[in-house]
Amino acid sequence: MKRLPSVAIVGRPNVGKSTLFNRLVGKKLALVDDRPGVTRDRREGDASLLGLDFRIVDTAGYEDHDAQSLPGRMRLQTEAAVAGADVALFMVDARAGIVPLDEEIARWLRGSTTPIVLVANKAEGRAGEQGILEALALGFGDPVQLSAEHGEGMGDLFEALLPHLERDEDEDLSAEDEEDPAAPLKLAIVGRPNAGKSTLVNRMLGEDRMITGPEAGITRDSIAIDWEWLGRPVRLIDTAGMRKRAKVQDKLEKLSVADALHAVDFAEVVVLLLDATLGLESQDLRIADRVLEEGRALIIALNKWDVAQDPSSLFNGVKAALGDGLSQVKGVPLITVSAMTGRGIDQLISAAFETREAWSRRVPTGELNRWFERAIEANPPPAPGGKRIKMRYVTQVKSRPPSFVIFGTRVDQLPASYERYLVNSARKDLGFGAVPIRLTLRAPKNPFGN
C-alpha cells in the first residue's frame, strides 16, 4: 500500500494556514487565533477535497530568525515539511497584499524542488483584488483565490492540486480505494421482515447458524459471518428486516433497523432480498434507494422462487417495476433464488463478485478521455441562452463507487438530462454496469464575477 501524497501549507504568520488545514481535514485540529505565531510544530492530518485524498501538513509561520532561536527552529521545521511534500501551498493574504516577508519566502521556495501552488486567501469580495494582482509578481503564476474561512474556491484548489497528487496508473491505490482480489467480499443481505434473509444465510453456510421461523423480526442485530465460496472469502452480513418507518414504533426495532442501515454503510455489495410470493412493494424501492444513495453496489434477489406462482410473468413484472422505480440506475441485476433449496445461490454470489469488480474499477486516463470525447461528439452539450457549454476534461477521483469530476465553462448550467446521458454512457462504454456513479461538475472561478 502506497502512502497518501503529502501537501504542505507554508506562508508568513497569520495568513490563514491553520484555517485551511482545519477545513481540509474536516475538524478543528489546529488552533486558530488572530494572534500570529499560534502554530509552532508541524501538524498533520488526513484531508479530503472533492474525493481527492492526501496528507495535509500545517506549518509554523515562516520568519527570518537565527536557527538556534525558537522562531528559527520553527522555520527549520517548515523547510523540512516542504522538502518532504509532493506539493506545497504558498499562502498569502489577499487583503493585506504582498509584504517583504512574502517576497523572501517566494525567493526560498523558487529554489525548492517541491512544486509550488500559490494561494491567495481572504479573496472574497473586492478587498482582496489589489493583493491578488500583487501576487502575480511572486513568479508562481495565477494564484488560486479562496476563502479558507468560508470555504470558497475549493474547486479551484482541487484543480490546482490534482496534477501533483494523481498517482500513476501502475501505482497502488490507498487501501480504501483498492480492490484486493484476495480480500473478503463484504456482502450484506437486506430486505423487509420475513423475506428469508436468515434462511438464505443458513443455506449458504450449510448449517443453522441463524435463528429462523415464520415470525417476522426474529433477527435483531446485524450478524457478520466469515464464509468461503469456491475458495474465495466472503464476509456475510445478515440484517434485521426493515419495515416502513411509520410502522416502526418499538424502540428495539428502531435500533435494529438503524443497525441494518449501518451494516449497509460498511458493505461493498448489498443484496436486497424480495419475497416472490409478495412481489415488489414500495418499501423495497425505498431500501434500494438508500443502498444506492450510500454508493453501494446493489443486486436484487427474488427469494422463494420454488413456490412462486406464474414465475415468468412475476419476473418480468418485477423487472419492469425496478426499471421505473430505480431510474437513477438502470439494469440492476435481478436473480431468482430459493433459500430453502439453494437454487440460484452460486449465480447470486458470482454476480456479487462481478459487481464488486465493476464498483472498484478505475479507468486509465487515456481510455477515460477517449470515451469523454466520443460521448460529447455523439451528443454535444446544449447552449442555453445561445451560450455554449464547453466541456474541457474529465478525471476519475476515486472508485468504490466510481467518482468523476468534469471541468468546463458554464457547466453549472448543464441540464440534469445531459448529466444522466454522460453517466449512462459511462456505464455502457466503460464497463460499470449498474453500479452507482458519482459525477461532479466544476467551472473555473470568473475573475470578473464581482
Protein backbone atom coordinates (compact mmCIF):
# COMPACT_ATOMS: atom_id res chain seq x y z
CA MET A 1 0.00 0.00 0.00
CA LYS A 2 1.43 3.37 -1.04
CA ARG A 3 1.41 6.30 1.32
CA LEU A 4 -1.00 9.15 0.77
CA PRO A 5 0.53 12.06 -1.15
CA SER A 6 1.59 14.96 1.07
CA VAL A 7 0.66 18.66 0.82
CA ALA A 8 2.40 21.29 2.98
CA ILE A 9 0.91 24.73 3.69
CA VAL A 10 3.52 27.50 4.07
CA GLY A 11 3.40 31.25 4.44
CA ARG A 12 4.11 34.05 6.86
CA PRO A 13 2.26 34.11 10.20
CA ASN A 14 -1.49 34.75 10.33
CA VAL A 15 -2.38 34.37 6.65
CA GLY A 16 -4.89 31.58 7.40
CA LYS A 17 -2.85 28.38 7.08
CA SER A 18 -4.44 26.66 10.09
CA THR A 19 -7.94 27.70 8.98
CA LEU A 20 -7.39 25.98 5.62
CA PHE A 21 -5.88 22.95 7.39
CA ASN A 22 -8.96 22.59 9.59
CA ARG A 23 -11.30 22.89 6.60
CA LEU A 24 -9.48 20.20 4.63
CA VAL A 25 -9.32 17.69 7.49
CA GLY A 26 -12.92 18.46 8.47
CA LYS A 27 -12.06 19.01 12.13
CA LYS A 28 -10.66 21.82 14.26
CA LEU A 29 -7.35 20.07 14.89
CA ALA A 30 -5.26 23.22 14.57
CA LEU A 31 -5.65 26.14 16.97
CA VAL A 32 -6.80 29.31 15.22
CA ASP A 33 -6.46 32.80 16.63
CA ASP A 34 -5.99 36.34 15.34
CA ARG A 35 -2.62 36.49 17.07
CA PRO A 36 0.29 35.44 14.79
CA GLY A 37 2.51 32.50 15.69
CA VAL A 38 -0.09 30.21 17.30
CA THR A 39 1.19 27.18 15.32
CA ARG A 40 4.71 26.10 16.29
CA ASP A 41 5.12 22.44 15.33
CA ARG A 42 4.20 20.71 12.13
CA ARG A 43 0.67 19.36 12.42
CA GLU A 44 -0.52 16.60 10.07
CA GLY A 45 -3.95 15.23 9.21
CA ASP A 46 -5.77 13.16 6.58
CA ALA A 47 -7.53 15.51 4.20
CA SER A 48 -10.17 15.02 1.51
CA LEU A 49 -11.08 17.51 -1.20
CA LEU A 50 -13.86 16.52 -3.64
CA GLY A 51 -12.82 12.88 -3.36
CA LEU A 52 -9.07 13.61 -3.58
CA ASP A 53 -7.37 12.14 -0.51
CA PHE A 54 -3.98 13.35 0.76
CA ARG A 55 -1.95 14.08 3.86
CA ILE A 56 -2.01 17.78 4.79
CA VAL A 57 0.78 19.41 6.84
CA ASP A 58 0.19 22.71 8.66
CA THR A 59 3.45 24.57 9.34
CA ALA A 60 4.54 27.42 11.55
CA GLY A 61 4.60 30.90 10.04
CA TYR A 62 7.90 31.39 8.22
CA GLU A 63 10.06 34.01 9.91
CA ASP A 64 13.68 35.03 9.40
CA HIS A 65 15.42 34.28 12.70
CA ASP A 66 18.58 32.61 13.95
CA ALA A 67 18.34 28.81 13.66
CA GLN A 68 19.01 28.38 17.39
CA SER A 69 16.09 30.58 18.47
CA LEU A 70 12.54 29.24 18.84
CA PRO A 71 11.30 31.03 15.66
CA GLY A 72 14.42 29.79 13.87
CA ARG A 73 13.76 26.18 14.88
CA MET A 74 10.15 26.62 13.77
CA ARG A 75 11.43 27.77 10.37
CA LEU A 76 13.61 24.66 10.05
CA GLN A 77 10.50 22.52 10.72
CA THR A 78 8.71 24.35 7.91
CA GLU A 79 11.61 23.81 5.49
CA ALA A 80 11.64 20.09 6.33
CA ALA A 81 7.88 19.85 5.71
CA VAL A 82 8.22 21.42 2.26
CA ALA A 83 11.15 19.18 1.34
CA GLY A 84 9.12 16.08 2.20
CA ALA A 85 5.89 17.15 0.44
CA ASP A 86 4.64 16.25 -3.03
CA VAL A 87 3.40 19.83 -3.43
CA ALA A 88 3.39 22.96 -1.24
CA LEU A 89 0.66 25.58 -0.95
CA PHE A 90 2.26 29.01 -0.60
CA MET A 91 -0.42 31.10 1.09
CA VAL A 92 -0.60 34.88 1.04
CA ASP A 93 -3.17 37.29 2.47
CA ALA A 94 -5.02 38.94 -0.44
CA ARG A 95 -6.45 41.67 1.78
CA ALA A 96 -3.11 42.65 3.32
CA GLY A 97 -1.31 42.44 -0.02
CA ILE A 98 2.27 41.28 -0.61
CA VAL A 99 4.78 42.31 2.07
CA PRO A 100 8.58 41.91 2.11
CA LEU A 101 8.38 38.64 4.09
CA ASP A 102 6.15 37.13 1.36
CA GLU A 103 8.81 38.05 -1.20
CA GLU A 104 11.52 36.47 0.94
CA ILE A 105 9.52 33.24 1.26
CA ALA A 106 8.96 33.27 -2.52
CA ARG A 107 12.72 33.51 -3.14
CA TRP A 108 13.31 30.50 -0.86
CA LEU A 109 10.52 28.46 -2.48
CA ARG A 110 11.78 29.18 -6.00
CA GLY A 111 14.96 27.32 -5.03
CA SER A 112 12.99 24.29 -3.79
CA THR A 113 12.48 21.17 -5.89
CA THR A 114 8.93 20.79 -4.50
CA PRO A 115 6.14 22.03 -6.84
CA ILE A 116 4.52 25.22 -5.53
CA VAL A 117 0.87 26.31 -5.81
CA LEU A 118 0.28 29.96 -4.92
CA VAL A 119 -2.88 30.51 -2.83
CA ALA A 120 -4.43 33.94 -2.20
CA ASN A 121 -6.52 33.60 0.96
CA LYS A 122 -9.22 36.01 2.15
CA ALA A 123 -10.02 36.72 -1.53
CA GLU A 124 -13.78 37.07 -1.08
CA GLY A 125 -15.25 40.43 -2.13
CA ARG A 126 -13.36 43.39 -3.59
CA ALA A 127 -10.98 43.92 -0.68
CA GLY A 128 -8.54 41.33 -2.00
CA GLU A 129 -8.35 42.43 -5.65
CA GLN A 130 -5.17 44.50 -5.25
CA GLY A 131 -3.40 41.75 -3.31
CA ILE A 132 -4.28 39.21 -6.00
CA LEU A 133 -2.68 41.43 -8.66
CA GLU A 134 0.42 41.92 -6.49
CA ALA A 135 0.72 38.15 -6.02
CA LEU A 136 1.34 37.69 -9.74
CA ALA A 137 4.77 39.30 -9.27
CA LEU A 138 5.90 36.44 -6.98
CA GLY A 139 6.57 34.27 -10.02
CA PHE A 140 4.25 31.32 -9.36
CA GLY A 141 1.57 32.14 -11.93
CA ASP A 142 -2.06 33.00 -11.21
CA PRO A 143 -2.93 32.47 -7.55
CA VAL A 144 -5.76 30.17 -6.51
CA GLN A 145 -8.29 32.57 -5.00
CA LEU A 146 -10.11 31.24 -1.96
CA SER A 147 -11.55 31.96 1.44
CA ALA A 148 -10.43 29.30 3.91
CA GLU A 149 -12.88 30.61 6.50
CA HIS A 150 -15.95 30.49 4.24
CA GLY A 151 -14.97 27.53 2.03
CA GLU A 152 -14.97 29.49 -1.24
CA GLY A 153 -12.64 28.46 -4.08
CA MET A 154 -12.25 24.80 -3.02
CA GLY A 155 -12.99 23.60 -6.57
CA ASP A 156 -10.18 25.76 -7.94
CA LEU A 157 -7.83 24.44 -5.26
CA PHE A 158 -8.78 20.88 -6.25
CA GLU A 159 -7.98 21.63 -9.90
CA ALA A 160 -4.58 23.10 -8.95
CA LEU A 161 -3.62 20.17 -6.70
CA LEU A 162 -4.84 17.34 -8.92
CA PRO A 163 -1.88 17.23 -11.39
CA HIS A 164 0.55 16.97 -8.47
CA LEU A 165 -1.35 14.35 -6.47
CA GLU A 166 -2.64 11.97 -9.14
CA ARG A 167 -0.85 8.66 -8.89
CA ASP A 168 0.48 6.84 -11.92
CA GLU A 169 -1.83 4.09 -13.11
CA ASP A 170 0.63 1.35 -12.12
CA GLU A 171 0.89 2.62 -8.55
CA ASP A 172 -1.14 1.10 -5.76
CA LEU A 173 -4.21 2.97 -4.62
CA SER A 174 -4.95 3.63 -0.99
CA ALA A 175 -6.43 0.69 0.91
CA GLU A 176 -9.90 2.21 0.89
CA ASP A 177 -9.81 2.81 -2.87
CA GLU A 178 -8.38 -0.52 -3.96
CA GLU A 179 -9.85 -3.92 -4.64
CA ASP A 180 -7.61 -6.68 -3.38
CA PRO A 181 -8.85 -9.83 -5.16
CA ALA A 182 -7.94 -11.83 -2.06
CA ALA A 183 -9.90 -9.56 0.29
CA PRO A 184 -13.23 -10.91 1.54
CA LEU A 185 -16.31 -9.76 -0.36
CA LYS A 186 -18.34 -7.72 2.15
CA LEU A 187 -21.89 -8.82 1.29
CA ALA A 188 -24.92 -7.54 3.22
CA ILE A 189 -28.35 -9.17 2.91
CA VAL A 190 -31.19 -6.67 3.46
CA GLY A 191 -34.94 -6.62 2.95
CA ARG A 192 -38.33 -6.48 4.59
CA PRO A 193 -39.09 -8.74 7.57
CA ASN A 194 -39.61 -12.43 6.78
CA ALA A 195 -38.20 -12.22 3.26
CA GLY A 196 -35.95 -15.16 4.12
CA LYS A 197 -32.63 -13.42 4.81
CA SER A 198 -31.51 -15.65 7.68
CA THR A 199 -32.70 -18.79 5.85
CA LEU A 200 -30.60 -17.75 2.84
CA VAL A 201 -27.52 -17.19 5.01
CA ASN A 202 -28.02 -20.60 6.66
CA ARG A 203 -28.29 -22.27 3.25
CA MET A 204 -25.06 -20.58 2.12
CA LEU A 205 -23.23 -21.71 5.26
CA GLY A 206 -24.70 -25.21 5.18
CA GLU A 207 -25.70 -25.00 8.85
CA ASP A 208 -28.38 -23.44 11.05
CA ARG A 209 -26.20 -20.51 12.06
CA MET A 210 -29.08 -18.01 12.21
CA ILE A 211 -32.38 -18.48 14.09
CA THR A 212 -35.27 -18.69 11.65
CA GLY A 213 -39.02 -19.14 11.85
CA PRO A 214 -42.37 -17.95 10.50
CA GLU A 215 -42.43 -14.97 12.89
CA ALA A 216 -41.24 -11.68 11.38
CA GLY A 217 -38.43 -9.78 13.07
CA ILE A 218 -36.50 -12.64 14.70
CA THR A 219 -33.14 -11.16 13.67
CA ARG A 220 -32.37 -8.02 15.65
CA ASP A 221 -28.63 -7.45 15.28
CA SER A 222 -26.59 -7.31 12.10
CA ILE A 223 -24.55 -10.53 12.24
CA ALA A 224 -21.29 -10.80 10.26
CA ILE A 225 -20.04 -14.29 9.41
CA ASP A 226 -16.90 -15.30 7.50
CA TRP A 227 -17.52 -17.85 4.75
CA GLU A 228 -15.84 -19.22 1.62
CA TRP A 229 -17.44 -19.66 -1.80
CA LEU A 230 -15.39 -21.81 -4.20
CA GLY A 231 -12.26 -20.90 -2.26
CA ARG A 232 -12.97 -17.15 -2.28
CA PRO A 233 -13.54 -15.41 1.08
CA VAL A 234 -16.91 -13.75 1.76
CA ARG A 235 -17.99 -11.79 4.82
CA LEU A 236 -21.76 -12.31 5.03
CA ILE A 237 -23.82 -9.75 6.93
CA ASP A 238 -27.37 -10.75 7.89
CA THR A 239 -29.53 -7.78 8.93
CA ALA A 240 -32.83 -7.09 10.65
CA GLY A 241 -35.88 -6.65 8.46
CA MET A 242 -36.70 -3.06 7.51
CA ARG A 243 -40.39 -2.07 7.65
CA LYS A 244 -41.94 1.24 6.73
CA ARG A 245 -40.81 3.92 9.15
CA ALA A 246 -44.41 4.68 10.22
CA LYS A 247 -44.85 1.07 11.38
CA VAL A 248 -41.63 1.01 13.43
CA GLN A 249 -42.77 2.01 16.92
CA ASP A 250 -40.88 -0.35 19.21
CA LYS A 251 -37.58 1.14 20.44
CA LEU A 252 -35.72 -2.17 19.99
CA GLU A 253 -36.94 -2.48 16.41
CA LYS A 254 -35.80 1.08 15.72
CA LEU A 255 -32.33 0.16 16.97
CA SER A 256 -32.37 -3.00 14.82
CA VAL A 257 -33.26 -1.04 11.68
CA ALA A 258 -30.57 1.55 12.47
CA ASP A 259 -28.08 -1.32 12.86
CA ALA A 260 -29.13 -2.71 9.46
CA LEU A 261 -28.60 0.68 7.82
CA HIS A 262 -25.19 0.87 9.50
CA ALA A 263 -24.34 -2.53 8.01
CA VAL A 264 -25.15 -1.18 4.54
CA ASP A 265 -22.61 1.59 5.05
CA PHE A 266 -19.82 -0.97 5.58
CA ALA A 267 -20.81 -3.40 2.81
CA GLU A 268 -19.38 -3.45 -0.71
CA VAL A 269 -22.29 -5.24 -2.36
CA VAL A 270 -25.83 -5.30 -0.95
CA VAL A 271 -28.36 -7.99 -1.84
CA LEU A 272 -31.95 -6.77 -1.50
CA LEU A 273 -33.98 -9.92 -0.90
CA LEU A 274 -37.61 -9.88 -2.08
CA ASP A 275 -40.35 -12.36 -1.24
CA ALA A 276 -41.52 -13.75 -4.60
CA THR A 277 -44.91 -14.61 -3.08
CA LEU A 278 -45.50 -10.93 -2.29
CA GLY A 279 -43.81 -9.25 -5.27
CA LEU A 280 -42.22 -5.78 -5.21
CA GLU A 281 -43.53 -3.18 -2.76
CA SER A 282 -42.77 0.50 -2.26
CA GLN A 283 -40.73 -0.28 0.86
CA ASP A 284 -38.41 -2.42 -1.27
CA LEU A 285 -37.76 0.54 -3.55
CA ARG A 286 -37.06 2.77 -0.53
CA ILE A 287 -34.48 0.29 0.74
CA ALA A 288 -32.90 0.08 -2.73
CA ASP A 289 -32.75 3.89 -2.95
CA ARG A 290 -30.99 4.02 0.41
CA VAL A 291 -28.38 1.48 -0.74
CA LEU A 292 -27.66 3.42 -3.94
CA GLU A 293 -27.53 6.77 -2.11
CA GLU A 294 -24.82 5.29 0.11
CA GLY A 295 -22.87 4.44 -3.04
CA ARG A 296 -23.07 0.68 -2.59
CA ALA A 297 -23.39 -1.83 -5.41
CA LEU A 298 -26.88 -3.39 -5.48
CA ILE A 299 -28.26 -6.78 -6.50
CA ILE A 300 -31.95 -7.73 -6.30
CA ALA A 301 -32.74 -11.37 -5.41
CA LEU A 302 -36.22 -12.86 -5.72
CA ASN A 303 -36.50 -15.47 -2.96
CA LYS A 304 -39.00 -18.35 -2.55
CA TRP A 305 -38.87 -18.87 -6.30
CA ASP A 306 -39.62 -22.56 -5.82
CA VAL A 307 -43.17 -21.72 -4.64
CA ALA A 308 -43.83 -18.66 -6.83
CA GLN A 309 -46.96 -18.69 -8.99
CA ASP A 310 -46.68 -17.77 -12.70
CA PRO A 311 -42.91 -17.15 -12.33
CA SER A 312 -42.32 -15.82 -15.86
CA SER A 313 -44.95 -13.10 -15.51
CA LEU A 314 -43.74 -12.29 -11.98
CA PHE A 315 -40.12 -11.91 -13.09
CA ASN A 316 -40.99 -9.59 -15.98
CA GLY A 317 -43.31 -7.54 -13.77
CA VAL A 318 -40.66 -7.04 -11.06
CA LYS A 319 -38.03 -6.19 -13.68
CA ALA A 320 -40.28 -3.54 -15.25
CA ALA A 321 -41.17 -2.07 -11.85
CA LEU A 322 -37.48 -1.85 -10.91
CA GLY A 323 -36.75 -0.06 -14.19
CA ASP A 324 -39.38 2.56 -13.35
CA GLY A 325 -38.64 2.81 -9.62
CA LEU A 326 -34.84 2.91 -9.81
CA SER A 327 -34.50 5.37 -12.65
CA GLN A 328 -31.09 6.61 -11.44
CA VAL A 329 -29.51 3.17 -12.03
CA LYS A 330 -30.76 1.05 -14.90
CA GLY A 331 -30.17 -2.67 -15.22
CA VAL A 332 -29.63 -3.66 -11.56
CA PRO A 333 -29.03 -7.45 -11.60
CA LEU A 334 -32.22 -9.41 -10.82
CA ILE A 335 -31.59 -13.01 -9.77
CA THR A 336 -34.06 -15.71 -8.70
CA VAL A 337 -33.14 -17.85 -5.69
CA SER A 338 -34.61 -20.31 -3.23
CA ALA A 339 -33.18 -20.12 0.28
CA MET A 340 -34.91 -23.43 1.10
CA THR A 341 -33.42 -25.48 -1.78
CA GLY A 342 -30.25 -23.49 -2.53
CA ARG A 343 -31.28 -22.79 -6.13
CA GLY A 344 -29.57 -19.72 -7.65
CA ILE A 345 -27.10 -19.12 -4.79
CA ASP A 346 -24.00 -19.76 -6.95
CA GLN A 347 -25.34 -17.36 -9.58
CA LEU A 348 -26.02 -14.77 -6.87
CA ILE A 349 -22.51 -14.90 -5.35
CA SER A 350 -20.88 -14.91 -8.78
CA ALA A 351 -22.85 -11.78 -9.71
CA ALA A 352 -21.79 -10.17 -6.41
CA PHE A 353 -18.08 -10.67 -7.18
CA GLU A 354 -18.54 -9.31 -10.73
CA THR A 355 -20.46 -6.30 -9.39
CA ARG A 356 -17.74 -5.55 -6.83
CA GLU A 357 -15.17 -5.63 -9.63
CA ALA A 358 -17.13 -3.01 -11.61
CA TRP A 359 -17.72 -0.94 -8.44
CA SER A 360 -13.96 -0.93 -7.78
CA ARG A 361 -12.89 -0.17 -11.36
CA ARG A 362 -10.50 2.70 -12.08
CA VAL A 363 -10.42 3.74 -15.74
CA PRO A 364 -6.98 4.55 -17.27
CA THR A 365 -6.72 8.25 -18.12
CA GLY A 366 -6.34 7.69 -21.86
CA GLU A 367 -9.38 5.43 -22.09
CA LEU A 368 -11.42 7.86 -19.98
CA ASN A 369 -10.62 10.85 -22.20
CA ARG A 370 -11.29 8.93 -25.41
CA TRP A 371 -14.72 7.95 -24.06
CA PHE A 372 -15.38 11.58 -23.00
CA GLU A 373 -14.56 12.92 -26.49
CA ARG A 374 -16.76 10.30 -28.17
CA ALA A 375 -19.68 11.00 -25.83
CA ILE A 376 -19.54 14.76 -26.43
CA GLU A 377 -19.14 14.32 -30.19
CA ALA A 378 -22.11 11.94 -30.35
CA ASN A 379 -24.32 14.26 -28.30
CA PRO A 380 -22.92 17.81 -27.88
CA PRO A 381 -23.99 19.69 -24.73
CA PRO A 382 -26.80 22.24 -25.18
CA ALA A 383 -26.31 26.01 -25.47
CA PRO A 384 -28.77 27.62 -23.03
CA GLY A 385 -29.48 31.22 -23.99
CA GLY A 386 -27.30 30.77 -27.05
CA LYS A 387 -24.16 30.44 -24.90
CA ARG A 388 -22.20 27.28 -25.47
CA ILE A 389 -21.33 24.98 -22.55
CA LYS A 390 -17.74 23.89 -23.08
CA MET A 391 -16.67 20.59 -21.50
CA ARG A 392 -12.89 20.70 -21.02
CA TYR A 393 -11.85 17.41 -19.46
CA VAL A 394 -12.83 14.66 -17.03
CA THR A 395 -10.87 12.88 -14.31
CA GLN A 396 -11.70 9.96 -12.04
CA VAL A 397 -11.02 11.00 -8.46
CA LYS A 398 -11.84 7.67 -6.78
CA SER A 399 -13.51 4.32 -7.15
CA ARG A 400 -15.79 2.35 -4.81
CA PRO A 401 -18.09 3.92 -6.01
CA PRO A 402 -16.65 5.33 -9.27
CA SER A 403 -16.49 9.13 -8.89
CA PHE A 404 -15.67 11.63 -11.62
CA VAL A 405 -15.16 15.39 -11.87
CA ILE A 406 -15.84 17.23 -15.16
CA PHE A 407 -14.27 20.64 -15.68
CA GLY A 408 -15.59 23.20 -18.14
CA THR A 409 -17.16 26.59 -18.65
CA ARG A 410 -20.82 27.15 -17.70
CA VAL A 411 -21.13 23.52 -16.62
CA ASP A 412 -23.33 24.73 -13.76
CA GLN A 413 -26.00 25.31 -16.45
CA LEU A 414 -25.79 21.73 -17.72
CA PRO A 415 -29.29 20.15 -17.55
CA ALA A 416 -29.78 17.07 -15.39
CA SER A 417 -30.79 15.12 -18.51
CA TYR A 418 -27.32 15.63 -20.01
CA GLU A 419 -25.66 14.52 -16.77
CA ARG A 420 -27.77 11.35 -16.92
CA TYR A 421 -26.67 10.87 -20.53
CA LEU A 422 -22.99 11.03 -19.50
CA VAL A 423 -23.49 8.64 -16.58
CA ASN A 424 -25.41 6.12 -18.70
CA SER A 425 -22.80 6.39 -21.45
CA ALA A 426 -20.03 5.71 -18.91
CA ARG A 427 -21.93 2.67 -17.61
CA LYS A 428 -22.27 1.23 -21.10
CA ASP A 429 -18.88 2.10 -22.60
CA LEU A 430 -16.57 1.83 -19.58
CA GLY A 431 -17.89 -1.39 -18.09
CA PHE A 432 -19.51 -0.06 -14.92
CA GLY A 433 -22.80 -1.84 -15.42
CA ALA A 434 -25.44 -0.90 -12.85
CA VAL A 435 -23.17 0.34 -10.04
CA PRO A 436 -23.79 3.88 -8.72
CA ILE A 437 -21.64 6.59 -10.33
CA ARG A 438 -20.85 9.97 -8.78
CA LEU A 439 -20.48 12.92 -11.15
CA THR A 440 -19.37 16.41 -10.04
CA LEU A 441 -19.23 19.47 -12.30
CA ARG A 442 -16.63 22.20 -11.76
CA ALA A 443 -16.24 25.56 -13.51
CA PRO A 444 -13.19 27.83 -13.08
CA LYS A 445 -13.84 30.93 -10.98
CA ASN A 446 -14.69 34.02 -13.01
CA PRO A 447 -12.15 36.74 -12.01
CA PHE A 448 -14.67 39.40 -13.08
CA GLY A 449 -17.57 37.82 -11.19
CA ASN A 450 -17.64 40.61 -8.63
